[in-house]
Amino acid sequence: MDLGGFNPQDAQQYLQGVNWPADKQEVVNKAEGNGAPQPMLEQLKNLGGGQFSGPQDVIGKLQGG
């Protein structure tokens, strides 16, 4: 999945402050609060449910992993 032109380091900055492990809603809320661009927020909202272990887990899923 395309990150909307953002590299993983860009995506990671929007995930700062998340208390890991975190569910999708917590990740979306924190990314939104950190000023993530709308395309990234939409992609986060479309990820499956469950827990994410950390930012690399989220980024991997955004990249289709």
PDB file of N, CA and C in Angstrom:
ATOM      1  N   MET A   1       0.857  -1.194   0.000  1.00  0.00           N
ATOM      2  CA  MET A   1       0.000   0.000   0.000  1.00  0.00           C
ATOM      3  C   MET A   1       0.889   1.238   0.000  1.00  0.00           C
ATOM      4  N   ASP A   2       0.545   2.182  -0.785  1.00  0.00           N
ATOM      5  CA  ASP A   2       1.296   3.430  -0.870  1.00  0.00           C
ATOM      6  C   ASP A   2       1.032   4.276   0.369  1.00  0.00           C
ATOM      7  N   LEU A   3       2.072   4.874   0.899  1.00  0.00           N
ATOM      8  CA  LEU A   3       1.919   5.737   2.074  1.00  0.00           C
ATOM      9  C   LEU A   3       1.570   7.164   1.691  1.00  0.00           C
ATOM     10  N   GLY A   4       1.121   7.379   0.478  1.00  0.00           N
ATOM     11  CA  GLY A   4       0.753   8.717   0.046  1.00  0.00           C
ATOM     12  C   GLY A   4       1.956   9.620  -0.119  1.00  0.00           C
ATOM     13  N   GLY A   5       3.095   9.024  -0.516  1.00  0.00           N
ATOM     14  CA  GLY A   5       4.292   9.812  -0.736  1.00  0.00           C
ATOM     15  C   GLY A   5       5.161   9.984   0.496  1.00  0.00           C
ATOM     16  N   PHE A   6       4.827   9.339   1.596  1.00  0.00           N
ATOM     17  CA  PHE A   6       5.599   9.458   2.828  1.00  0.00           C
ATOM     18  C   PHE A   6       6.480   8.241   2.998  1.00  0.00           C
ATOM     19  N   ASN A   7       7.731   8.478   3.372  1.00  0.00           N
ATOM     20  CA  ASN A   7       8.587   7.334   3.658  1.00  0.00           C
ATOM     21  C   ASN A   7       8.328   6.882   5.092  1.00  0.00           C
ATOM     22  N   PRO A   8       8.819   5.702   5.474  1.00  0.00           N
ATOM     23  CA  PRO A   8       8.532   5.193   6.823  1.00  0.00           C
ATOM     24  C   PRO A   8       8.937   6.134   7.947  1.00  0.00           C
ATOM     25  N   GLN A   9      10.044   6.860   7.766  1.00  0.00           N
ATOM     26  CA  GLN A   9      10.450   7.799   8.813  1.00  0.00           C
ATOM     27  C   GLN A   9       9.429   8.925   8.969  1.00  0.00           C
ATOM     28  N   ASP A  10       8.848   9.365   7.860  1.00  0.00           N
ATOM     29  CA  ASP A  10       7.798  10.377   7.941  1.00  0.00           C
ATOM     30  C   ASP A  10       6.598   9.827   8.700  1.00  0.00           C
ATOM     31  N   ALA A  11       6.202   8.612   8.362  1.00  0.00           N
ATOM     32  CA  ALA A  11       5.053   8.002   9.030  1.00  0.00           C
ATOM     33  C   ALA A  11       5.333   7.845  10.519  1.00  0.00           C
ATOM     34  N   GLN A  12       6.557   7.444  10.851  1.00  0.00           N
ATOM     35  CA  GLN A  12       6.904   7.200  12.245  1.00  0.00           C
ATOM     36  C   GLN A  12       6.762   8.453  13.103  1.00  0.00           C
ATOM     37  N   GLN A  13       7.050   9.621  12.539  1.00  0.00           N
ATOM     38  CA  GLN A  13       6.953  10.847  13.342  1.00  0.00           C
ATOM     39  C   GLN A  13       5.517  11.107  13.792  1.00  0.00           C
ATOM     40  N   TYR A  14       4.545  10.657  13.019  1.00  0.00           N
ATOM     41  CA  TYR A  14       3.141  10.861  13.377  1.00  0.00           C
ATOM     42  C   TYR A  14       2.651   9.842  14.404  1.00  0.00           C
ATOM     43  N   LEU A  15       3.485   8.837  14.691  1.00  0.00           N
ATOM     44  CA  LEU A  15       3.113   7.809  15.662  1.00  0.00           C
ATOM     45  C   LEU A  15       3.795   8.039  17.006  1.00  0.00           C
ATOM     46  N   GLN A  16       4.480   9.170  17.157  1.00  0.00           N
ATOM     47  CA  GLN A  16       5.141   9.500  18.420  1.00  0.00           C
ATOM     48  C   GLN A  16       4.113   9.604  19.542  1.00  0.00           C
ATOM     49  N   GLY A  17       4.448   9.048  20.693  1.00  0.00           N
ATOM     50  CA  GLY A  17       3.598   9.192  21.866  1.00  0.00           C
ATOM     51  C   GLY A  17       2.545   8.119  22.041  1.00  0.00           C
ATOM     52  N   VAL A  18       2.470   7.170  21.115  1.00  0.00           N
ATOM     53  CA  VAL A  18       1.511   6.070  21.259  1.00  0.00           C
ATOM     54  C   VAL A  18       2.041   5.131  22.331  1.00  0.00           C
ATOM     55  N   ASN A  19       1.160   4.671  23.217  1.00  0.00           N
ATOM     56  CA  ASN A  19       1.527   3.694  24.234  1.00  0.00           C
ATOM     57  C   ASN A  19       1.352   2.303  23.638  1.00  0.00           C
ATOM     58  N   TRP A  20       2.481   1.680  23.274  1.00  0.00           N
ATOM     59  CA  TRP A  20       2.452   0.368  22.623  1.00  0.00           C
ATOM     60  C   TRP A  20       2.396  -0.736  23.653  1.00  0.00           C
ATOM     61  N   PRO A  21       1.726  -1.861  23.357  1.00  0.00           N
ATOM     62  CA  PRO A  21       0.911  -2.116  22.161  1.00  0.00           C
ATOM     63  C   PRO A  21      -0.343  -1.246  22.166  1.00  0.00           C
ATOM     64  N   ALA A  22      -0.848  -0.972  20.975  1.00  0.00           N
ATOM     65  CA  ALA A  22      -1.995  -0.075  20.830  1.00  0.00           C
ATOM     66  C   ALA A  22      -2.962  -0.631  19.795  1.00  0.00           C
ATOM     67  N   ASP A  23      -4.248  -0.330  19.986  1.00  0.00           N
ATOM     68  CA  ASP A  23      -5.231  -0.736  18.981  1.00  0.00           C
ATOM     69  C   ASP A  23      -5.309   0.329  17.889  1.00  0.00           C
ATOM     70  N   LYS A  24      -6.013  -0.017  16.830  1.00  0.00           N
ATOM     71  CA  LYS A  24      -6.080   0.864  15.664  1.00  0.00           C
ATOM     72  C   LYS A  24      -6.608   2.243  16.030  1.00  0.00           C
ATOM     73  N   GLN A  25      -7.643   2.322  16.852  1.00  0.00           N
ATOM     74  CA  GLN A  25      -8.234   3.617  17.178  1.00  0.00           C
ATOM     75  C   GLN A  25      -7.247   4.513  17.911  1.00  0.00           C
ATOM     76  N   GLU A  26      -6.476   3.932  18.820  1.00  0.00           N
ATOM     77  CA  GLU A  26      -5.472   4.729  19.531  1.00  0.00           C
ATOM     78  C   GLU A  26      -4.409   5.251  18.564  1.00  0.00           C
ATOM     79  N   VAL A  27      -3.992   4.396  17.626  1.00  0.00           N
ATOM     80  CA  VAL A  27      -2.990   4.799  16.631  1.00  0.00           C
ATOM     81  C   VAL A  27      -3.532   5.933  15.762  1.00  0.00           C
ATOM     82  N   VAL A  28      -4.769   5.785  15.291  1.00  0.00           N
ATOM     83  CA  VAL A  28      -5.390   6.813  14.449  1.00  0.00           C
ATOM     84  C   VAL A  28      -5.511   8.123  15.224  1.00  0.00           C
ATOM     85  N   ASN A  29      -5.997   8.047  16.449  1.00  0.00           N
ATOM     86  CA  ASN A  29      -6.181   9.260  17.255  1.00  0.00           C
ATOM     87  C   ASN A  29      -4.859   9.992  17.482  1.00  0.00           C
ATOM     88  N   LYS A  30      -3.807   9.235  17.803  1.00  0.00           N
ATOM     89  CA  LYS A  30      -2.509   9.865  18.069  1.00  0.00           C
ATOM     90  C   LYS A  30      -1.927  10.449  16.786  1.00  0.00           C
ATOM     91  N   ALA A  31      -2.039   9.718  15.676  1.00  0.00           N
ATOM     92  CA  ALA A  31      -1.525  10.225  14.397  1.00  0.00           C
ATOM     93  C   ALA A  31      -2.246  11.513  14.013  1.00  0.00           C
ATOM     94  N   GLU A  32      -3.553  11.523  14.214  1.00  0.00           N
ATOM     95  CA  GLU A  32      -4.335  12.725  13.900  1.00  0.00           C
ATOM     96  C   GLU A  32      -3.883  13.894  14.775  1.00  0.00           C
ATOM     97  N   GLY A  33      -3.702  13.629  16.066  1.00  0.00           N
ATOM     98  CA  GLY A  33      -3.247  14.665  16.984  1.00  0.00           C
ATOM     99  C   GLY A  33      -1.849  15.167  16.665  1.00  0.00           C
ATOM    100  N   ASN A  34      -1.040  14.316  16.032  1.00  0.00           N
ATOM    101  CA  ASN A  34       0.325  14.684  15.656  1.00  0.00           C
ATOM    102  C   ASN A  34       0.391  15.329  14.276  1.00  0.00           C
ATOM    103  N   GLY A  35      -0.774  15.578  13.668  1.00  0.00           N
ATOM    104  CA  GLY A  35      -0.801  16.299  12.399  1.00  0.00           C
ATOM    105  C   GLY A  35      -0.577  15.453  11.163  1.00  0.00           C
ATOM    106  N   ALA A  36      -0.854  14.152  11.251  1.00  0.00           N
ATOM    107  CA  ALA A  36      -0.678  13.285  10.079  1.00  0.00           C
ATOM    108  C   ALA A  36      -1.570  13.757   8.938  1.00  0.00           C
ATOM    109  N   PRO A  37      -1.073  13.666   7.704  1.00  0.00           N
ATOM    110  CA  PRO A  37      -1.878  14.080   6.550  1.00  0.00           C
ATOM    111  C   PRO A  37      -3.074  13.159   6.348  1.00  0.00           C
ATOM    112  N   GLN A  38      -4.121  13.697   5.768  1.00  0.00           N
ATOM    113  CA  GLN A  38      -5.366  12.959   5.583  1.00  0.00           C
ATOM    114  C   GLN A  38      -5.185  11.622   4.856  1.00  0.00           C
ATOM    115  N   PRO A  39      -4.377  11.543   3.788  1.00  0.00           N
ATOM    116  CA  PRO A  39      -4.220  10.234   3.126  1.00  0.00           C
ATOM    117  C   PRO A  39      -3.675   9.157   4.061  1.00  0.00           C
ATOM    118  N   MET A  40      -2.750   9.529   4.931  1.00  0.00           N
ATOM    119  CA  MET A  40      -2.212   8.555   5.880  1.00  0.00           C
ATOM    120  C   MET A  40      -3.276   8.148   6.892  1.00  0.00           C
ATOM    121  N   LEU A  41      -4.059   9.113   7.370  1.00  0.00           N
ATOM    122  CA  LEU A  41      -5.125   8.797   8.323  1.00  0.00           C
ATOM    123  C   LEU A  41      -6.134   7.836   7.707  1.00  0.00           C
ATOM    124  N   GLU A  42      -6.485   8.055   6.451  1.00  0.00           N
ATOM    125  CA  GLU A  42      -7.436   7.162   5.776  1.00  0.00           C
ATOM    126  C   GLU A  42      -6.873   5.752   5.685  1.00  0.00           C
ATOM    127  N   GLN A  43      -5.591   5.638   5.379  1.00  0.00           N
ATOM    128  CA  GLN A  43      -4.970   4.320   5.287  1.00  0.00           C
ATOM    129  C   GLN A  43      -4.929   3.647   6.653  1.00  0.00           C
ATOM    130  N   LEU A  44      -4.647   4.406   7.695  1.00  0.00           N
ATOM    131  CA  LEU A  44      -4.657   3.844   9.045  1.00  0.00           C
ATOM    132  C   LEU A  44      -6.047   3.332   9.406  1.00  0.00           C
ATOM    133  N   LYS A  45      -7.064   4.104   9.063  1.00  0.00           N
ATOM    134  CA  LYS A  45      -8.440   3.710   9.379  1.00  0.00           C
ATOM    135  C   LYS A  45      -8.848   2.444   8.644  1.00  0.00           C
ATOM    136  N   ASN A  46      -8.225   2.174   7.489  1.00  0.00           N
ATOM    137  CA  ASN A  46      -8.565   0.999   6.696  1.00  0.00           C
ATOM    138  C   ASN A  46      -7.772  -0.245   7.080  1.00  0.00           C
ATOM    139  N   LEU A  47      -6.847  -0.125   8.030  1.00  0.00           N
ATOM    140  CA  LEU A  47      -6.106  -1.297   8.481  1.00  0.00           C
ATOM    141  C   LEU A  47      -7.033  -2.210   9.271  1.00  0.00           C
ATOM    142  N   GLY A  48      -6.677  -3.474   9.328  1.00  0.00           N
ATOM    143  CA  GLY A  48      -7.467  -4.419  10.110  1.00  0.00           C
ATOM    144  C   GLY A  48      -7.399  -4.093  11.591  1.00  0.00           C
ATOM    145  N   GLY A  49      -8.254  -4.740  12.345  1.00  0.00           N
ATOM    146  CA  GLY A  49      -8.288  -4.520  13.787  1.00  0.00           C
ATOM    147  C   GLY A  49      -7.138  -5.220  14.482  1.00  0.00           C
ATOM    148  N   GLY A  50      -7.235  -5.338  15.777  1.00  0.00           N
ATOM    149  CA  GLY A  50      -6.195  -5.987  16.553  1.00  0.00           C
ATOM    150  C   GLY A  50      -5.219  -4.993  17.138  1.00  0.00           C
ATOM    151  N   GLN A  51      -4.183  -5.541  17.723  1.00  0.00           N
ATOM    152  CA  GLN A  51      -3.165  -4.733  18.386  1.00  0.00           C
ATOM    153  C   GLN A  51      -1.941  -4.579  17.498  1.00  0.00           C
ATOM    154  N   PHE A  52      -1.321  -3.427  17.597  1.00  0.00           N
ATOM    155  CA  PHE A  52      -0.058  -3.168  16.924  1.00  0.00           C
ATOM    156  C   PHE A  52       1.021  -3.127  17.997  1.00  0.00           C
ATOM    157  N   SER A  53       2.145  -3.793  17.726  1.00  0.00           N
ATOM    158  CA  SER A  53       3.199  -3.892  18.734  1.00  0.00           C
ATOM    159  C   SER A  53       4.081  -2.647  18.809  1.00  0.00           C
ATOM    160  N   GLY A  54       4.129  -1.877  17.728  1.00  0.00           N
ATOM    161  CA  GLY A  54       4.954  -0.679  17.706  1.00  0.00           C
ATOM    162  C   GLY A  54       4.863  -0.001  16.356  1.00  0.00           C
ATOM    163  N   PRO A  55       5.586   1.104  16.184  1.00  0.00           N
ATOM    164  CA  PRO A  55       5.490   1.844  14.927  1.00  0.00           C
ATOM    165  C   PRO A  55       5.891   1.021  13.712  1.00  0.00           C
ATOM    166  N   GLN A  56       6.896   0.154  13.852  1.00  0.00           N
ATOM    167  CA  GLN A  56       7.312  -0.651  12.697  1.00  0.00           C
ATOM    168  C   GLN A  56       6.208  -1.613  12.275  1.00  0.00           C
ATOM    169  N   ASP A  57       5.423  -2.103  13.224  1.00  0.00           N
ATOM    170  CA  ASP A  57       4.285  -2.975  12.919  1.00  0.00           C
ATOM    171  C   ASP A  57       3.258  -2.209  12.083  1.00  0.00           C
ATOM    172  N   VAL A  58       2.941  -0.993  12.493  1.00  0.00           N
ATOM    173  CA  VAL A  58       1.978  -0.162  11.755  1.00  0.00           C
ATOM    174  C   VAL A  58       2.515   0.146  10.357  1.00  0.00           C
ATOM    175  N   ILE A  59       3.758   0.570  10.273  1.00  0.00           N
ATOM    176  CA  ILE A  59       4.350   0.927   8.983  1.00  0.00           C
ATOM    177  C   ILE A  59       4.382  -0.282   8.059  1.00  0.00           C
ATOM    178  N   GLY A  60       4.722  -1.447   8.604  1.00  0.00           N
ATOM    179  CA  GLY A  60       4.729  -2.662   7.798  1.00  0.00           C
ATOM    180  C   GLY A  60       3.366  -2.967   7.213  1.00  0.00           C
ATOM    181  N   LYS A  61       2.322  -2.777   8.001  1.00  0.00           N
ATOM    182  CA  LYS A  61       0.967  -3.028   7.507  1.00  0.00           C
ATOM    183  C   LYS A  61       0.554  -1.969   6.481  1.00  0.00           C
ATOM    184  N   LEU A  62       0.965  -0.736   6.686  1.00  0.00           N
ATOM    185  CA  LEU A  62       0.682   0.310   5.702  1.00  0.00           C
ATOM    186  C   LEU A  62       1.354   0.000   4.367  1.00  0.00           C
ATOM    187  N   GLN A  63       2.507  -0.635   4.437  1.00  0.00           N
ATOM    188  CA  GLN A  63       3.248  -0.971   3.224  1.00  0.00           C
ATOM    189  C   GLN A  63       2.781  -2.292   2.627  1.00  0.00           C
ATOM    190  N   GLY A  64       1.773  -2.901   3.245  1.00  0.00           N
ATOM    191  CA  GLY A  64       1.222  -4.138   2.715  1.00  0.00           C
ATOM    192  C   GLY A  64       1.872  -5.392   3.247  1.00  0.00           C
ATOM    193  N   GLY A  65       2.614  -5.258   4.348  1.00  0.00           N
ATOM    194  CA  GLY A  65       3.325  -6.407   4.896  1.00  0.00           C
ATOM    195  C   GLY A  65       2.572  -7.162   5.926  1.00  0.00           C
TER     196      GLY A  65
END
